[in-house]
N, C-alpha and C. Protein backbone atom coordinates (compact mmCIF):
# COMPACT_ATOMS: atom_id res chain seq x y z
N MET A 1 0.68 -1.33 -0.17
CA MET A 1 0.23 0.05 0.05
C MET A 1 1.06 1.42 0.41
N LEU A 2 1.76 1.31 0.53
CA LEU A 2 2.68 2.40 0.54
C LEU A 2 3.02 2.68 -0.37
N ILE A 3 4.00 1.54 -0.88
CA ILE A 3 4.84 1.46 -1.99
C ILE A 3 3.46 2.32 -3.42
N ARG A 4 2.57 1.76 -2.95
CA ARG A 4 1.34 2.59 -4.44
C ARG A 4 1.12 4.42 -4.26
N GLN A 5 0.95 4.02 -2.63
CA GLN A 5 1.12 5.87 -2.23
C GLN A 5 2.58 6.15 -2.71
N SER A 6 3.53 5.92 -3.02
CA SER A 6 4.46 7.29 -3.36
C SER A 6 4.82 6.67 -4.64
N LEU A 7 4.30 5.74 -5.39
CA LEU A 7 4.14 5.68 -6.87
C LEU A 7 5.07 7.22 -7.33
N PRO A 8 3.31 7.33 -7.48
CA PRO A 8 3.38 8.85 -8.47
C PRO A 8 4.09 9.75 -7.67
N LEU A 9 4.48 10.21 -6.33
CA LEU A 9 5.92 11.41 -6.44
C LEU A 9 7.18 10.63 -6.80
N LEU A 10 7.60 9.13 -6.70
CA LEU A 10 8.29 9.09 -6.99
C LEU A 10 8.79 9.16 -9.19
N ILE A 11 7.65 8.82 -9.44
CA ILE A 11 7.91 9.82 -10.93
C ILE A 11 7.80 10.76 -11.37
N ALA A 12 7.05 11.85 -10.45
CA ALA A 12 7.25 13.14 -10.35
C ALA A 12 8.67 13.32 -10.16
N ALA A 13 8.76 12.61 -9.58
CA ALA A 13 10.32 13.11 -8.77
C ALA A 13 11.64 12.79 -10.19
N LEU A 14 11.21 11.57 -10.74
CA LEU A 14 12.07 10.85 -11.55
C LEU A 14 11.96 12.10 -12.88
N VAL A 15 10.70 12.71 -12.86
CA VAL A 15 10.39 13.58 -14.04
C VAL A 15 11.23 14.89 -14.16
N LEU A 16 10.76 15.82 -12.84
CA LEU A 16 11.29 16.68 -13.01
C LEU A 16 13.48 17.16 -12.54
N ASN A 17 13.86 15.89 -12.30
CA ASN A 17 15.12 15.40 -12.19
C ASN A 17 14.90 15.88 -14.09
N LEU A 18 14.64 14.40 -14.68
CA LEU A 18 15.00 15.14 -15.73
C LEU A 18 15.20 15.72 -16.82
N SER A 19 14.46 16.35 -16.40
CA SER A 19 14.24 17.86 -16.90
C SER A 19 14.67 18.88 -16.75
N ALA A 20 15.81 18.42 -15.53
CA ALA A 20 16.78 19.66 -15.50
C ALA A 20 18.12 19.33 -15.64
N CYS A 21 18.05 17.99 -15.80
CA CYS A 21 19.16 17.51 -17.32
C CYS A 21 19.70 18.14 -17.73
N ASN A 22 17.97 18.12 -18.69
CA ASN A 22 17.74 18.56 -20.14
C ASN A 22 18.15 20.30 -20.26
N GLU A 23 17.75 20.77 -19.12
CA GLU A 23 18.17 22.63 -18.91
C GLU A 23 19.29 22.73 -18.69
N LYS A 24 20.00 21.74 -18.21
CA LYS A 24 21.83 22.06 -18.10
C LYS A 24 22.00 21.66 -19.23
N VAL A 25 21.76 20.95 -20.30
CA VAL A 25 22.15 20.88 -21.56
C VAL A 25 22.11 21.50 -22.40
N GLU A 26 20.98 22.60 -22.36
CA GLU A 26 20.51 23.58 -23.20
C GLU A 26 21.86 24.69 -22.71
N GLN A 27 21.37 25.21 -21.66
CA GLN A 27 22.51 26.34 -21.33
C GLN A 27 24.05 25.67 -21.85
N VAL A 28 24.33 24.45 -21.33
CA VAL A 28 26.05 24.41 -22.10
C VAL A 28 26.13 24.70 -23.59
N ALA A 29 24.76 24.30 -24.16
CA ALA A 29 24.81 24.42 -25.72
C ALA A 29 25.12 26.20 -25.94
N GLU A 30 24.03 26.13 -25.12
CA GLU A 30 24.11 28.02 -25.59
C GLU A 30 25.14 29.13 -25.21
N LYS A 31 26.23 28.15 -24.00
CA LYS A 31 27.34 28.60 -23.60
C LYS A 31 28.52 28.72 -24.97
N LYS A 32 28.07 27.62 -25.38
CA LYS A 32 29.02 27.00 -27.09
C LYS A 32 29.06 28.62 -27.47
N MET A 33 27.73 28.95 -28.34
CA MET A 33 27.61 29.67 -29.44
C MET A 33 27.80 30.97 -29.05
N LEU A 34 27.86 31.30 -28.02
CA LEU A 34 27.70 32.85 -27.52
C LEU A 34 29.23 33.33 -26.61
N ASP A 35 29.96 32.31 -26.87
CA ASP A 35 31.38 33.03 -26.43
C ASP A 35 32.30 33.07 -27.30
N ALA A 36 32.13 34.55 -28.48
CA ALA A 36 33.14 34.66 -28.99
C ALA A 36 34.53 35.05 -29.22
N SER A 37 34.74 35.07 -27.20
CA SER A 37 36.36 35.22 -26.90
C SER A 37 37.21 34.38 -26.87
N LEU A 38 36.38 32.92 -27.27
CA LEU A 38 37.18 31.90 -27.66
C LEU A 38 38.33 31.81 -29.04
N CYS A 39 39.20 31.25 -29.07
CA CYS A 39 39.87 30.88 -30.31
C CYS A 39 39.03 29.81 -30.77
N ASP A 40 38.21 29.69 -32.31
CA ASP A 40 37.76 28.64 -33.08
C ASP A 40 38.78 28.09 -33.88
N PHE A 41 39.75 27.36 -33.76
CA PHE A 41 40.54 26.53 -34.76
C PHE A 41 39.57 26.29 -36.09
N SER A 42 38.72 25.71 -35.89
CA SER A 42 38.14 25.36 -36.71
C SER A 42 37.98 25.88 -37.89
N ARG A 43 37.93 27.72 -37.43
CA ARG A 43 37.04 28.77 -38.67
C ARG A 43 38.77 29.65 -39.17
N GLY A 44 39.63 28.72 -38.54
CA GLY A 44 40.87 29.87 -38.67
C GLY A 44 41.93 30.35 -37.75
N GLU A 45 42.97 30.80 -38.12
CA GLU A 45 44.40 31.34 -37.31
C GLU A 45 43.21 31.88 -35.53
N CYS A 46 43.95 31.56 -34.64
CA CYS A 46 43.55 32.58 -33.72
C CYS A 46 44.75 33.85 -33.23
N ILE A 47 44.40 34.68 -33.68
CA ILE A 47 45.20 35.97 -33.58
C ILE A 47 45.19 37.01 -32.48
N LYS A 48 46.50 37.27 -31.79
CA LYS A 48 46.43 37.56 -30.37
C LYS A 48 47.99 38.95 -31.15
N LYS A 49 48.28 40.37 -30.37
CA LYS A 49 48.65 41.17 -30.75
C LYS A 49 49.58 41.15 -29.44
N VAL A 50 50.65 41.51 -29.75
CA VAL A 50 50.98 42.18 -28.01
C VAL A 50 52.53 42.51 -28.68
N ALA A 51 52.63 43.83 -27.82
CA ALA A 51 53.77 45.09 -27.93
C ALA A 51 53.79 44.86 -29.42
N GLY A 52 53.00 45.11 -30.59
CA GLY A 52 53.25 45.29 -31.46
C GLY A 52 53.48 44.10 -32.63
N VAL A 53 53.33 43.41 -31.96
CA VAL A 53 53.61 41.70 -32.60
C VAL A 53 52.53 41.19 -32.67
N GLU A 54 52.35 40.61 -33.60
CA GLU A 54 50.88 39.51 -34.15
C GLU A 54 50.95 38.34 -34.05
N LEU A 55 50.41 37.51 -33.35
CA LEU A 55 50.60 36.00 -33.19
C LEU A 55 49.64 35.19 -33.57
N LYS A 56 50.39 34.49 -34.59
CA LYS A 56 49.00 33.30 -35.22
C LYS A 56 48.79 32.10 -34.79
N PHE A 57 48.04 31.59 -34.27
CA PHE A 57 48.52 30.12 -33.45
C PHE A 57 47.21 29.15 -34.68
N THR A 58 47.55 28.42 -34.63
CA THR A 58 46.58 27.13 -35.35
C THR A 58 46.66 26.04 -34.26
N LEU A 59 45.52 25.08 -34.42
CA LEU A 59 45.75 23.83 -33.64
C LEU A 59 45.36 22.58 -34.67
N SER A 60 45.53 21.66 -34.29
CA SER A 60 45.35 20.36 -35.04
C SER A 60 45.18 19.16 -34.74
N PRO A 61 44.53 17.94 -34.80
CA PRO A 61 43.05 18.05 -35.59
C PRO A 61 42.68 20.41 -34.93
N SER A 62 41.65 20.57 -35.19
CA SER A 62 41.42 22.11 -35.06
C SER A 62 39.87 21.88 -34.69
N HIS A 63 39.08 20.45 -34.13
CA HIS A 63 38.25 20.34 -33.37
C HIS A 63 38.33 20.22 -31.82
N ALA A 64 40.01 20.55 -31.94
CA ALA A 64 40.92 20.20 -30.18
C ALA A 64 39.77 18.58 -29.49
N PRO A 65 39.90 17.54 -29.95
CA PRO A 65 39.60 16.67 -29.36
C PRO A 65 40.60 16.38 -28.12
N SER A 66 40.23 16.10 -26.65
CA SER A 66 40.55 15.48 -25.77
C SER A 66 41.40 14.51 -25.43
N GLU A 67 42.34 13.83 -24.92
CA GLU A 67 42.89 12.82 -24.97
C GLU A 67 43.31 11.93 -26.71
N LYS A 68 43.69 12.92 -27.23
CA LYS A 68 43.97 12.99 -28.19
C LYS A 68 45.38 13.44 -29.07
N PRO A 69 46.64 12.98 -29.42
CA PRO A 69 47.58 14.39 -29.72
C PRO A 69 47.21 15.46 -30.70
N LEU A 70 47.69 16.52 -29.72
CA LEU A 70 47.46 17.91 -30.95
C LEU A 70 48.69 18.67 -31.17
N THR A 71 48.50 19.02 -32.16
CA THR A 71 49.51 19.89 -32.47
C THR A 71 49.11 21.63 -32.68
N LEU A 72 50.16 22.28 -31.65
CA LEU A 72 50.10 23.78 -31.97
C LEU A 72 51.17 23.86 -32.99
N LYS A 73 50.61 25.47 -33.69
CA LYS A 73 51.71 25.94 -34.44
C LYS A 73 51.36 27.88 -33.85
N LEU A 74 52.58 28.63 -34.12
CA LEU A 74 52.55 29.52 -33.80
C LEU A 74 53.37 30.32 -34.67
N LEU A 75 53.25 31.54 -35.63
CA LEU A 75 53.68 32.45 -36.23
C LEU A 75 53.70 33.22 -35.43
N SER A 76 55.23 34.30 -35.70
CA SER A 76 55.16 35.40 -35.29
C SER A 76 55.39 36.43 -36.49
N SER A 77 54.83 38.03 -36.81
CA SER A 77 55.34 38.90 -36.98
C SER A 77 56.39 39.59 -37.27
N SER A 78 57.15 39.25 -36.02
CA SER A 78 58.40 39.12 -35.82
C SER A 78 59.32 38.63 -35.10
N ALA A 79 60.13 38.60 -35.09
CA ALA A 79 61.47 37.51 -34.44
C ALA A 79 61.42 36.91 -33.01
N ILE A 80 61.06 36.60 -32.72
CA ILE A 80 60.70 35.87 -31.63
C ILE A 80 61.79 34.65 -30.88
N SER A 81 61.77 34.51 -29.24
CA SER A 81 62.68 33.21 -29.02
C SER A 81 62.59 33.23 -27.89
N ASP A 82 63.04 32.23 -26.95
CA ASP A 82 62.83 31.57 -25.76
C ASP A 82 61.11 31.54 -25.88
N VAL A 83 60.44 30.99 -26.29
CA VAL A 83 59.05 30.62 -26.35
C VAL A 83 58.59 29.60 -25.25
N GLN A 84 57.71 29.39 -24.54
CA GLN A 84 57.12 28.21 -23.46
C GLN A 84 56.16 28.75 -23.60
N ILE A 85 55.24 27.75 -23.71
CA ILE A 85 53.77 27.75 -23.73
C ILE A 85 53.18 26.31 -22.73
N ARG A 86 52.12 26.57 -22.23
CA ARG A 86 51.65 25.83 -21.26
C ARG A 86 49.79 25.62 -21.23
N LEU A 87 49.82 24.77 -20.96
CA LEU A 87 48.11 25.06 -21.20
C LEU A 87 47.67 24.52 -19.42
N GLU A 88 46.51 25.15 -19.06
CA GLU A 88 45.30 25.39 -17.81
C GLU A 88 43.58 25.51 -18.15
N GLY A 89 43.11 24.62 -17.49
CA GLY A 89 42.05 25.25 -17.41
C GLY A 89 41.67 26.30 -17.03
N ARG A 90 40.49 27.16 -17.85
CA ARG A 90 39.97 28.68 -17.28
C ARG A 90 39.24 28.48 -16.59
N ASP A 91 38.28 27.74 -16.28
CA ASP A 91 37.57 27.67 -15.34
C ASP A 91 36.83 26.60 -14.19
N MET A 92 38.34 25.44 -14.28
CA MET A 92 38.39 24.63 -13.67
C MET A 92 39.88 24.32 -13.60
N PHE A 93 40.97 23.76 -12.36
CA PHE A 93 42.02 23.28 -12.39
C PHE A 93 41.97 21.52 -12.73
N MET A 94 43.05 21.63 -13.84
CA MET A 94 42.46 20.16 -14.46
C MET A 94 44.36 19.98 -14.76
N GLY A 95 45.37 20.50 -13.88
CA GLY A 95 46.35 20.55 -13.70
C GLY A 95 47.41 21.46 -15.03
N VAL A 96 48.64 21.27 -14.75
CA VAL A 96 49.13 22.36 -16.19
C VAL A 96 50.27 20.96 -17.10
N ILE A 97 49.35 21.75 -18.35
CA ILE A 97 49.99 20.64 -19.40
C ILE A 97 50.96 21.60 -19.84
N PRO A 98 52.55 21.00 -19.95
CA PRO A 98 53.15 21.76 -20.73
C PRO A 98 53.36 21.58 -22.33
N VAL A 99 53.82 22.48 -23.34
CA VAL A 99 53.84 22.27 -24.89
C VAL A 99 55.01 22.25 -24.96
N ASN A 100 55.03 21.07 -25.34
CA ASN A 100 56.60 20.60 -25.67
C ASN A 100 56.56 21.73 -27.48
N ILE A 101 57.61 22.72 -26.98
CA ILE A 101 57.75 23.89 -28.38
C ILE A 101 59.31 23.71 -29.11
N ARG A 102 59.57 23.19 -30.15
CA ARG A 102 60.54 22.95 -31.29
C ARG A 102 60.20 24.81 -32.29
N GLU A 103 61.46 25.58 -32.12
CA GLU A 103 61.74 26.09 -33.18
C GLU A 103 62.03 26.06 -34.53
N LEU A 104 60.78 26.21 -35.52
CA LEU A 104 61.14 26.13 -37.21
C LEU A 104 62.11 26.95 -37.79
N ASN A 105 61.82 28.10 -37.03
CA ASN A 105 63.15 29.59 -37.19
C ASN A 105 62.35 30.73 -36.40
N GLU A 106 63.12 31.77 -36.49
CA GLU A 106 62.76 33.11 -35.32
C GLU A 106 60.93 33.21 -35.29
N ASN A 107 60.21 32.93 -36.50
CA ASN A 107 59.19 33.41 -36.19
C ASN A 107 57.84 32.39 -36.28
N ALA A 108 58.60 30.53 -36.42
CA ALA A 108 57.34 29.56 -36.98
C ALA A 108 58.47 28.71 -35.49
N TYR A 109 57.02 28.60 -34.37
CA TYR A 109 57.20 27.50 -33.33
C TYR A 109 56.14 26.81 -33.78
N GLU A 110 56.03 25.06 -33.33
CA GLU A 110 55.43 24.06 -33.06
C GLU A 110 55.85 23.49 -31.81
N GLY A 111 54.51 22.95 -31.58
CA GLY A 111 54.28 21.99 -29.94
C GLY A 111 52.98 20.90 -30.57
N GLN A 112 53.56 19.72 -29.27
CA GLN A 112 52.75 19.22 -29.36
C GLN A 112 52.31 18.92 -27.97
N MET A 113 50.83 18.45 -27.76
CA MET A 113 50.52 18.38 -26.61
C MET A 113 49.64 17.10 -26.63
N ILE A 114 48.69 17.16 -25.17
CA ILE A 114 47.87 16.13 -25.07
C ILE A 114 47.16 16.69 -24.12
N TYR A 115 45.84 16.85 -23.64
CA TYR A 115 45.13 17.09 -22.33
C TYR A 115 43.65 15.75 -22.36
N GLY A 116 43.57 16.33 -20.63
CA GLY A 116 42.03 14.85 -20.23
C GLY A 116 41.61 15.46 -21.08
N SER A 117 40.07 15.09 -20.43
CA SER A 117 38.65 15.46 -21.00
C SER A 117 38.42 15.56 -19.71
N CYS A 118 36.99 16.19 -20.07
CA CYS A 118 36.42 16.82 -18.39
C CYS A 118 35.17 16.55 -18.20
N SER A 119 33.67 16.09 -17.83
CA SER A 119 33.17 15.53 -17.29
C SER A 119 31.97 16.51 -17.84
N SER A 120 32.16 17.80 -17.61
CA SER A 120 30.99 18.40 -17.66
C SER A 120 30.59 18.51 -19.19
N GLY A 121 31.66 18.48 -20.31
CA GLY A 121 31.09 18.73 -21.53
C GLY A 121 31.44 20.02 -22.46
N TYR A 122 31.66 20.80 -21.15
CA TYR A 122 32.34 22.32 -21.38
C TYR A 122 33.67 22.78 -21.03
N MET A 123 34.68 22.17 -21.74
CA MET A 123 36.00 22.54 -21.13
C MET A 123 36.78 23.47 -22.12
N VAL A 124 37.20 24.89 -20.97
CA VAL A 124 37.64 25.85 -21.90
C VAL A 124 39.32 25.98 -21.50
N TRP A 125 40.21 25.47 -22.06
CA TRP A 125 41.43 25.29 -21.79
C TRP A 125 42.38 27.29 -22.30
N ARG A 126 43.50 27.21 -21.23
CA ARG A 126 43.80 28.63 -21.65
C ARG A 126 45.39 28.42 -21.62
N GLY A 127 45.69 29.20 -22.60
CA GLY A 127 47.19 28.92 -23.31
C GLY A 127 47.98 29.98 -22.83
N PHE A 128 49.08 29.98 -22.14
CA PHE A 128 49.82 30.96 -21.42
C PHE A 128 51.53 30.39 -22.63
N VAL A 129 51.89 31.97 -23.13
CA VAL A 129 52.68 32.21 -24.08
C VAL A 129 53.39 33.37 -23.64
N SER A 130 55.04 32.68 -22.82
CA SER A 130 56.18 33.77 -23.09
C SER A 130 56.70 33.80 -23.85
N PHE A 131 57.33 34.65 -24.35
CA PHE A 131 58.70 34.63 -25.10
C PHE A 131 59.38 35.88 -24.78
N THR A 132 60.57 36.36 -25.76
CA THR A 132 61.37 36.94 -25.95
C THR A 132 61.39 38.26 -27.10
N LEU A 133 61.16 39.17 -26.87
CA LEU A 133 60.93 39.95 -27.79
C LEU A 133 61.95 41.34 -28.20
N ASN A 134 63.11 41.64 -28.42
CA ASN A 134 63.96 42.26 -28.41
C ASN A 134 64.85 42.62 -26.80
N GLY A 135 65.20 41.45 -26.44
CA GLY A 135 65.63 40.94 -25.33
C GLY A 135 64.19 41.73 -23.92
N GLU A 136 63.59 42.03 -24.28
CA GLU A 136 62.25 41.67 -22.86
C GLU A 136 61.37 40.66 -23.35
N SER A 137 60.63 40.58 -22.22
CA SER A 137 59.85 38.68 -21.77
C SER A 137 58.62 39.72 -22.28
N LYS A 138 57.93 39.12 -22.76
CA LYS A 138 56.37 39.51 -23.05
C LYS A 138 56.23 38.47 -22.94
N ALA A 139 54.29 38.06 -22.60
CA ALA A 139 53.32 37.30 -22.63
C ALA A 139 51.84 37.39 -22.89
N VAL A 140 51.11 36.80 -23.77
CA VAL A 140 49.33 36.58 -23.78
C VAL A 140 49.11 35.17 -23.41
N THR A 141 47.78 35.53 -23.41
CA THR A 141 47.16 34.33 -23.43
C THR A 141 46.11 33.88 -24.86
N PHE A 142 45.76 32.57 -24.62
CA PHE A 142 44.28 32.06 -25.57
C PHE A 142 43.63 31.59 -24.99
N ASP A 143 42.37 31.20 -25.27
CA ASP A 143 40.86 30.44 -24.70
C ASP A 143 40.46 29.52 -25.78
N PHE A 144 40.57 28.40 -25.60
CA PHE A 144 40.10 27.60 -26.76
C PHE A 144 38.78 26.41 -25.80
N LEU A 145 38.16 25.77 -26.83
CA LEU A 145 37.10 25.04 -25.94
C LEU A 145 37.60 23.22 -27.08
N ALA A 146 37.76 22.82 -25.49
CA ALA A 146 38.11 21.27 -26.11
C ALA A 146 36.88 20.87 -26.75
N ASP A 147 36.99 19.89 -28.02
CA ASP A 147 36.38 19.12 -28.37
C ASP A 147 34.65 19.72 -28.56
N ASN A 148 35.36 20.94 -29.54
CA ASN A 148 34.57 21.58 -30.42
C ASN A 148 34.09 21.63 -31.68
N ASN A 149 33.18 20.71 -31.46
CA ASN A 149 32.51 19.88 -32.90
C ASN A 149 31.33 20.87 -33.55
N ALA A 150 31.21 22.00 -32.92
CA ALA A 150 30.27 22.47 -33.40
C ALA A 150 30.52 22.96 -35.17
């Protein structure tokens, strides 16, 4: 008898719970489309400027899949040196991911990296780039969405 009386409450709780999950999924999808501050490598280069120097970043594969090897390329409009890049989660701590950089020439660098996946379905990574320009240390950041299949 008690089970029969509580069955409608259990069904109502289940329906509310499922609808709440759906709202979260819709919010995540909206957030993906609205954040224009993120680099979208599937649309092309991500361009940042610092101290009069234009830095162009590309990522391959461009949809930035988690748990897969990625290649990051950096082209600079001026000669730079001592380039170092690391990744960190923008909104949550996911560790510090070093990007192993190699110099192709004084204006071009390439690096390999791999990062883990996030269970939330919306993981923004921030790249921290430091370099030397005319004997002075400079830094810039760029943000991008992992698993960007949009």
